[in-house]
Amino acid sequence: MKKFIVLLLAAMLVIMAACSAAPVQAPAVEPTEVAQPAETKLPVIGVAIFDYSNNYVTYIRNSIMAVSAGKADIQMADAQNDQAKQVEQIDLLLSKGVDALAVNAVDPKAAATIIAKAKAADVPLIFFNRSPSKEDMLSYDKAWYVGTTPEDSGRMQAEMAMDAFTKDPTFDKNGDGIMQYVILKGTLGHPDAEARTQANQDTFAAANFKTELLDVQPGDFKTQTAKDVTDVWMGKFGDKIEMILANNDAMLLGAIEAAKAEGYFGGGKKMGAVGINALPEILPKIKDGTIIGSILSDAYSEGLNIFTMAYNVATGKDVYEGVTIAPDDMKAIRVPYVPISIDNVQIAEEMYAKALKN
């Protein structure tokens, strides 16, 4: 019995010693770091605009912003029609390290200076809307242009005026079989203004169409300036003017306002008018027959091609990837014009619906 008690006590001591021992710890597991997706850096594209107040360029700007959403960081600057200011803005954009530069030059003759700066920084350059010379464009292998062929718009404008004058005898107010007309020219020396104005006259001459050019005056592509010019014409020529041709619709709007005060364009007196751009502001006047028509500059296609090319070069792709218009011998993409009359005004309306989409 004593032996049994001794054994029992020994067993109890063993059990108590085991219970008091430190518990066995599970091996430590280091926390696993959850991999986060790398943040994609958007390419930065600098866009230098000659003047935010210009009607047509506003639609190009809107188009660039619409098609670039979520794809690129657009840094846009307004030169307010000041070339020196634009050069400073370009310097700032280059100093920020933009991946590509798109420039709507105040003065196309300043292209050489802009190209030199982009070339020194090895930054690709897309000019648009205001074309540098072929010599300037070919001086830098990373420079391209997006715009139109301005002579085409002047030719189409003249063709529209001839067709209307021929089909509607009431335009020939003095019955002499000769179309008396005036031209509102853009800025003197501006390549597009010179080309459109010359193309008007060349087209009439090539068609042996009888015309008398009463006057050509610069309206600087602006509504108020054109209104002032037309006010003078109303006093000088009055009812002798049978047709007004304007290098752009902004000037035509000013001309219409001035002529309306003298009884034209809805006031009972007859006068024809054809513009260029087919801006949204002019479309109602085409639809209600106030004016003959306008030549559509496709702002959406211009904006799309400007962005596409800038994005391509900013991301290391071929500059023409996704561009459906073949470049010419000065590396320019020329977006075609479309004559807009009451019969096809919906083409312009559809284009601007895309250009204004944000």
Protein backbone atom coordinates (compact mmCIF):
# COMPACT_ATOMS: atom_id res chain seq x y z
CA MET A 1 0.00 0.00 0.00
CA LYS A 2 2.78 2.38 0.91
CA LYS A 3 4.51 1.49 -2.32
CA PHE A 4 1.35 2.31 -4.31
CA ILE A 5 1.00 5.74 -2.62
CA VAL A 6 4.64 6.57 -3.39
CA LEU A 7 4.17 5.69 -7.08
CA LEU A 8 0.95 7.75 -7.28
CA LEU A 9 2.65 10.82 -5.79
CA ALA A 10 5.56 10.45 -8.25
CA ALA A 11 3.16 10.34 -11.20
CA MET A 12 1.33 13.43 -9.98
CA LEU A 13 4.60 15.34 -9.68
CA VAL A 14 5.53 14.45 -13.29
CA ILE A 15 2.12 15.65 -14.53
CA MET A 16 2.38 18.93 -12.58
CA ALA A 17 5.86 19.57 -13.96
CA ALA A 18 4.64 19.02 -17.52
CA CYS A 19 1.71 21.40 -17.03
CA SER A 20 3.93 24.16 -15.68
CA ALA A 21 6.31 23.98 -18.68
CA ALA A 22 6.11 26.80 -21.26
CA PRO A 23 3.64 26.01 -24.07
CA VAL A 24 5.08 25.24 -27.50
CA GLN A 25 4.79 28.30 -29.80
CA ALA A 26 3.76 27.95 -33.45
CA PRO A 27 6.45 29.25 -35.81
CA ALA A 28 5.96 32.97 -36.62
CA VAL A 29 4.57 33.77 -40.09
CA GLU A 30 5.63 37.05 -41.72
CA PRO A 31 2.62 39.00 -43.12
CA THR A 32 2.41 38.77 -46.92
CA GLU A 33 2.36 42.16 -48.72
CA VAL A 34 -0.54 42.43 -51.18
CA ALA A 35 0.82 43.60 -54.55
CA GLN A 36 -0.80 46.87 -55.68
CA PRO A 37 -1.30 47.50 -59.41
CA ALA A 38 1.23 49.99 -60.74
CA GLU A 39 -0.32 53.39 -61.45
CA THR A 40 -0.29 54.07 -65.20
CA LYS A 41 1.24 57.44 -66.01
CA LEU A 42 -0.58 59.31 -68.75
CA PRO A 43 1.50 60.98 -71.47
CA VAL A 44 1.63 64.76 -71.16
CA ILE A 45 0.77 66.73 -74.30
CA GLY A 46 1.22 70.49 -74.43
CA VAL A 47 -1.23 72.37 -76.65
CA ALA A 48 -0.46 76.00 -77.56
CA ILE A 49 -3.50 77.87 -78.94
CA PHE A 50 -3.20 81.17 -80.80
CA ASP A 51 -6.39 82.69 -79.34
CA TYR A 52 -9.18 81.10 -77.28
CA SER A 53 -11.63 83.72 -78.57
CA ASN A 54 -11.45 82.39 -82.15
CA ASN A 55 -14.74 80.63 -82.91
CA TYR A 56 -13.44 77.83 -85.09
CA VAL A 57 -10.36 77.01 -83.02
CA THR A 58 -12.64 76.71 -79.99
CA TYR A 59 -14.27 73.68 -81.64
CA ILE A 60 -10.86 72.16 -82.38
CA ARG A 61 -9.95 72.66 -78.70
CA ASN A 62 -13.18 71.03 -77.57
CA SER A 63 -12.57 68.11 -79.93
CA ILE A 64 -9.04 67.54 -78.61
CA MET A 65 -10.35 67.49 -75.04
CA ALA A 66 -13.21 65.16 -75.97
CA VAL A 67 -11.07 62.52 -77.72
CA SER A 68 -8.21 62.70 -75.18
CA ALA A 69 -10.30 62.05 -72.07
CA GLY A 70 -8.65 59.36 -69.93
CA LYS A 71 -5.81 58.86 -72.42
CA ALA A 72 -3.52 61.84 -71.88
CA ASP A 73 -2.83 64.82 -69.66
CA ILE A 74 -3.53 67.86 -71.85
CA GLN A 75 -1.74 71.07 -70.84
CA MET A 76 -3.36 73.88 -72.86
CA ALA A 77 -2.29 77.54 -73.14
CA ASP A 78 -3.92 80.63 -74.67
CA ALA A 79 -1.52 83.07 -76.38
CA GLN A 80 -4.30 85.67 -76.82
CA ASN A 81 -3.04 86.37 -80.35
CA ASP A 82 0.40 87.38 -79.04
CA GLN A 83 3.32 85.54 -80.65
CA ALA A 84 5.86 86.58 -78.01
CA LYS A 85 3.52 85.30 -75.30
CA GLN A 86 3.08 82.02 -77.14
CA VAL A 87 6.85 81.49 -77.35
CA GLU A 88 7.07 81.99 -73.58
CA GLN A 89 4.25 79.47 -73.07
CA ILE A 90 6.03 76.94 -75.28
CA ASP A 91 9.23 77.43 -73.24
CA LEU A 92 7.23 76.72 -70.07
CA LEU A 93 5.58 73.60 -71.54
CA LEU A 94 8.96 72.25 -72.67
CA SER A 95 10.46 72.96 -69.25
CA LYS A 96 7.69 70.85 -67.69
CA GLY A 97 8.86 67.90 -69.78
CA VAL A 98 5.88 67.39 -72.09
CA ASP A 99 6.01 64.21 -74.18
CA ALA A 100 4.69 65.97 -77.29
CA LEU A 101 3.75 69.49 -78.32
CA ALA A 102 0.82 70.63 -80.52
CA VAL A 103 1.00 74.22 -81.73
CA ASN A 104 -1.59 76.49 -83.35
CA ALA A 105 0.86 79.30 -84.15
CA VAL A 106 -0.12 82.94 -83.77
CA ASP A 107 2.13 83.71 -86.73
CA PRO A 108 3.10 80.78 -88.99
CA LYS A 109 6.30 82.68 -89.82
CA ALA A 110 7.42 82.05 -86.22
CA ALA A 111 7.51 78.31 -86.91
CA ALA A 112 11.29 78.25 -87.29
CA THR A 113 11.72 79.58 -83.73
CA ILE A 114 9.23 77.07 -82.32
CA ILE A 115 10.84 74.20 -84.22
CA ALA A 116 14.29 75.13 -82.91
CA LYS A 117 13.03 74.97 -79.33
CA ALA A 118 11.26 71.63 -79.79
CA LYS A 119 14.26 70.20 -81.63
CA ALA A 120 16.67 71.24 -78.87
CA ALA A 121 14.43 69.45 -76.34
CA ASP A 122 13.93 66.46 -78.68
CA VAL A 123 10.16 66.85 -78.35
CA PRO A 124 7.86 65.81 -81.24
CA LEU A 125 5.84 68.70 -82.67
CA ILE A 126 2.41 68.78 -84.33
CA PHE A 127 1.48 72.12 -85.91
CA PHE A 128 -2.20 72.64 -86.71
CA ASN A 129 -4.71 75.04 -88.26
CA ARG A 130 -2.06 77.58 -89.31
CA SER A 131 0.50 76.05 -91.60
CA PRO A 132 4.24 76.75 -91.48
CA SER A 133 6.17 76.77 -94.76
CA LYS A 134 7.24 73.53 -96.37
CA GLU A 135 10.87 74.50 -95.74
CA ASP A 136 10.21 74.87 -92.01
CA MET A 137 8.29 71.61 -91.83
CA LEU A 138 11.06 69.64 -93.50
CA SER A 139 13.72 71.12 -91.21
CA TYR A 140 12.73 68.80 -88.32
CA ASP A 141 12.07 65.09 -88.74
CA LYS A 142 9.73 65.12 -85.72
CA ALA A 143 7.46 67.90 -87.01
CA TRP A 144 4.09 67.31 -88.70
CA TYR A 145 1.01 69.35 -89.62
CA VAL A 146 -2.76 68.86 -89.40
CA GLY A 147 -5.07 71.25 -91.25
CA THR A 148 -6.79 71.78 -94.55
CA THR A 149 -5.98 72.95 -98.08
CA PRO A 150 -7.15 76.59 -97.94
CA GLU A 151 -7.28 76.96 -101.73
CA ASP A 152 -10.00 74.29 -101.79
CA SER A 153 -12.27 76.32 -99.53
CA GLY A 154 -11.88 79.43 -101.69
CA ARG A 155 -12.62 77.41 -104.81
CA MET A 156 -15.71 75.75 -103.30
CA GLN A 157 -16.95 79.09 -102.02
CA ALA A 158 -16.70 80.64 -105.49
CA GLU A 159 -18.42 77.62 -107.03
CA MET A 160 -21.31 77.94 -104.56
CA ALA A 161 -21.68 81.65 -105.34
CA MET A 162 -21.64 81.04 -109.13
CA ASP A 163 -24.23 78.27 -108.85
CA ALA A 164 -26.59 80.44 -106.77
CA PHE A 165 -26.16 83.49 -109.00
CA THR A 166 -26.86 81.42 -112.13
CA LYS A 167 -29.91 79.63 -110.74
CA ASP A 168 -31.54 82.67 -109.08
CA PRO A 169 -31.80 85.69 -111.42
CA THR A 170 -32.89 87.94 -108.54
CA PHE A 171 -29.28 88.04 -107.30
CA ASP A 172 -28.41 90.02 -110.44
CA LYS A 173 -30.10 93.14 -109.13
CA ASN A 174 -28.99 95.46 -111.95
CA GLY A 175 -29.61 92.85 -114.65
CA ASP A 176 -26.19 93.27 -116.27
CA GLY A 177 -25.24 89.58 -116.14
CA ILE A 178 -22.19 90.41 -114.01
CA MET A 179 -21.87 89.46 -110.36
CA GLN A 180 -20.73 92.48 -108.35
CA TYR A 181 -19.08 91.20 -105.17
CA VAL A 182 -16.88 92.03 -102.19
CA ILE A 183 -14.44 89.89 -100.20
CA LEU A 184 -13.92 90.00 -96.46
CA LYS A 185 -10.34 88.85 -96.16
CA GLY A 186 -8.74 87.48 -93.00
CA THR A 187 -5.53 88.86 -91.56
CA LEU A 188 -3.27 90.38 -94.23
CA GLY A 189 -0.38 88.08 -95.02
CA HIS A 190 -2.01 85.09 -93.31
CA PRO A 191 -1.46 82.05 -95.60
CA ASP A 192 -5.09 80.88 -95.41
CA ALA A 193 -6.48 84.37 -96.03
CA GLU A 194 -4.24 84.92 -99.04
CA ALA A 195 -4.98 81.45 -100.46
CA ARG A 196 -8.77 81.66 -100.06
CA THR A 197 -8.98 85.16 -101.51
CA GLN A 198 -6.84 84.29 -104.52
CA ALA A 199 -8.73 81.02 -105.09
CA ASN A 200 -12.04 82.95 -105.24
CA GLN A 201 -10.79 85.07 -108.11
CA ASP A 202 -8.95 82.26 -109.89
CA THR A 203 -12.07 80.09 -109.84
CA PHE A 204 -14.22 82.81 -111.41
CA ALA A 205 -11.57 83.39 -114.07
CA ALA A 206 -11.18 79.68 -114.87
CA ALA A 207 -14.95 79.37 -115.34
CA ASN A 208 -15.12 82.52 -117.53
CA PHE A 209 -17.74 83.74 -115.07
CA LYS A 210 -18.43 87.45 -115.35
CA THR A 211 -17.70 89.27 -112.11
CA GLU A 212 -16.77 92.71 -110.83
CA LEU A 213 -14.79 92.80 -107.59
CA LEU A 214 -15.91 95.98 -105.87
CA ASP A 215 -13.51 95.74 -102.92
CA VAL A 216 -11.37 93.47 -100.75
CA GLN A 217 -10.83 94.48 -97.13
CA PRO A 218 -9.21 92.66 -94.19
CA GLY A 219 -11.56 91.73 -91.37
CA ASP A 220 -8.84 89.98 -89.34
CA PHE A 221 -11.11 86.91 -89.04
CA LYS A 222 -13.15 88.85 -86.43
CA THR A 223 -16.88 89.62 -86.26
CA GLN A 224 -16.67 93.22 -85.05
CA THR A 225 -13.94 94.19 -87.51
CA ALA A 226 -15.97 92.75 -90.38
CA LYS A 227 -19.06 94.61 -89.19
CA ASP A 228 -17.13 97.88 -89.25
CA VAL A 229 -15.85 97.16 -92.77
CA THR A 230 -19.34 96.29 -94.00
CA ASP A 231 -20.78 99.46 -92.47
CA VAL A 232 -18.40 101.42 -94.70
CA TRP A 233 -19.34 99.31 -97.73
CA MET A 234 -23.03 99.96 -97.14
CA GLY A 235 -22.39 103.68 -97.36
CA LYS A 236 -20.03 103.40 -100.31
CA PHE A 237 -21.68 100.75 -102.51
CA GLY A 238 -25.17 100.25 -101.11
CA ASP A 239 -27.32 98.12 -103.38
CA LYS A 240 -24.48 97.55 -105.86
CA ILE A 241 -23.23 94.63 -103.75
CA GLU A 242 -24.79 91.42 -105.02
CA MET A 243 -22.58 88.91 -103.19
CA ILE A 244 -20.37 88.87 -100.08
CA LEU A 245 -17.65 86.25 -99.76
CA ALA A 246 -16.01 85.98 -96.34
CA ASN A 247 -12.80 84.10 -95.54
CA ASN A 248 -14.53 82.76 -92.43
CA ASP A 249 -17.98 82.68 -90.83
CA ALA A 250 -17.01 84.87 -87.90
CA MET A 251 -16.54 87.76 -90.33
CA LEU A 252 -19.67 86.84 -92.24
CA LEU A 253 -21.70 87.15 -89.04
CA GLY A 254 -20.44 90.72 -88.66
CA ALA A 255 -21.25 91.51 -92.28
CA ILE A 256 -24.78 90.16 -91.90
CA GLU A 257 -25.34 92.29 -88.80
CA ALA A 258 -24.21 95.46 -90.59
CA ALA A 259 -26.17 94.74 -93.77
CA LYS A 260 -29.31 93.86 -91.82
CA ALA A 261 -29.39 97.40 -90.48
CA GLU A 262 -29.70 98.54 -94.10
CA GLY A 263 -32.53 96.14 -94.95
CA TYR A 264 -30.61 93.09 -96.26
CA PHE A 265 -30.68 89.48 -95.05
CA GLY A 266 -34.31 89.37 -94.05
CA GLY A 267 -35.19 93.04 -94.39
CA GLY A 268 -36.52 92.79 -97.94
CA LYS A 269 -33.40 93.71 -99.92
CA LYS A 270 -31.50 91.03 -101.86
CA MET A 271 -27.85 90.10 -101.26
CA GLY A 272 -26.05 86.77 -101.47
CA ALA A 273 -23.46 85.56 -98.98
CA VAL A 274 -21.17 82.54 -98.61
CA GLY A 275 -18.85 81.84 -95.69
CA ILE A 276 -16.18 79.35 -94.67
CA ASN A 277 -16.21 77.03 -91.60
CA ALA A 278 -19.97 76.34 -91.40
CA LEU A 279 -19.93 77.31 -87.72
CA PRO A 280 -22.93 76.34 -85.55
CA GLU A 281 -23.79 80.05 -85.31
CA ILE A 282 -24.19 80.29 -89.09
CA LEU A 283 -26.14 77.05 -89.63
CA PRO A 284 -29.58 78.53 -88.71
CA LYS A 285 -29.01 81.23 -91.34
CA ILE A 286 -28.36 78.54 -93.93
CA LYS A 287 -31.42 76.55 -92.88
CA ASP A 288 -33.77 79.54 -93.10
CA GLY A 289 -32.33 80.75 -96.42
CA THR A 290 -30.77 83.94 -95.05
CA ILE A 291 -27.46 83.05 -96.71
CA ILE A 292 -26.53 80.67 -99.52
CA GLY A 293 -24.18 78.44 -97.53
CA SER A 294 -20.72 77.92 -96.08
CA ILE A 295 -17.76 75.60 -96.58
CA LEU A 296 -17.40 73.20 -93.65
CA SER A 297 -14.01 72.90 -91.97
CA ASP A 298 -14.27 69.65 -90.00
CA ALA A 299 -13.12 70.72 -86.53
CA TYR A 300 -13.80 67.29 -85.05
CA SER A 301 -11.63 65.46 -87.59
CA GLU A 302 -8.88 68.03 -87.15
CA GLY A 303 -8.98 67.66 -83.36
CA LEU A 304 -9.06 63.86 -83.62
CA ASN A 305 -6.05 63.74 -85.95
CA ILE A 306 -4.08 66.29 -83.91
CA PHE A 307 -4.55 64.24 -80.75
CA THR A 308 -4.00 60.88 -82.46
CA MET A 309 -0.67 61.97 -83.92
CA ALA A 310 0.49 63.71 -80.73
CA TYR A 311 -0.50 60.69 -78.63
CA ASN A 312 1.27 58.32 -81.02
CA VAL A 313 4.60 60.12 -80.86
CA ALA A 314 4.26 60.71 -77.11
CA THR A 315 3.91 56.96 -76.55
CA GLY A 316 6.52 55.77 -79.02
CA LYS A 317 4.17 54.64 -81.78
CA ASP A 318 4.29 55.48 -85.47
CA VAL A 319 2.93 59.00 -85.90
CA TYR A 320 0.36 57.95 -88.53
CA GLU A 321 -1.06 54.94 -86.67
CA GLY A 322 -4.86 55.19 -86.81
CA VAL A 323 -4.77 58.16 -89.22
CA THR A 324 -6.83 57.49 -92.34
CA ILE A 325 -5.66 60.49 -94.42
CA ALA A 326 -2.39 60.09 -96.30
CA PRO A 327 0.25 62.77 -95.60
CA ASP A 328 1.47 65.05 -98.39
CA ASP A 329 5.05 65.93 -99.29
CA MET A 330 5.40 68.30 -96.31
CA LYS A 331 4.16 65.70 -93.81
CA ALA A 332 0.76 67.38 -93.60
CA ILE A 333 -2.60 65.69 -92.99
CA ARG A 334 -5.20 67.65 -94.97
CA VAL A 335 -8.77 67.25 -93.70
CA PRO A 336 -11.16 67.78 -96.64
CA TYR A 337 -13.76 70.57 -96.78
CA VAL A 338 -17.48 69.98 -97.40
CA PRO A 339 -19.77 72.60 -99.04
CA ILE A 340 -22.81 73.07 -96.79
CA SER A 341 -26.14 74.33 -98.12
CA ILE A 342 -29.75 74.02 -97.01
CA ASP A 343 -29.77 70.55 -98.62
CA ASN A 344 -27.08 68.96 -96.43
CA VAL A 345 -26.83 71.14 -93.33
CA GLN A 346 -27.22 68.03 -91.14
CA ILE A 347 -23.66 67.01 -92.03
CA ALA A 348 -22.33 70.08 -90.21
CA GLU A 349 -24.75 69.60 -87.31
CA GLU A 350 -23.59 66.01 -86.80
CA MET A 351 -19.95 67.03 -86.91
CA TYR A 352 -20.40 69.72 -84.26
CA ALA A 353 -22.36 67.32 -82.07
CA LYS A 354 -19.18 65.22 -81.90
CA ALA A 355 -16.90 68.24 -81.53
CA LEU A 356 -18.89 69.52 -78.55
CA LYS A 357 -19.09 66.16 -76.78
CA ASN A 358 -17.14 66.18 -73.51
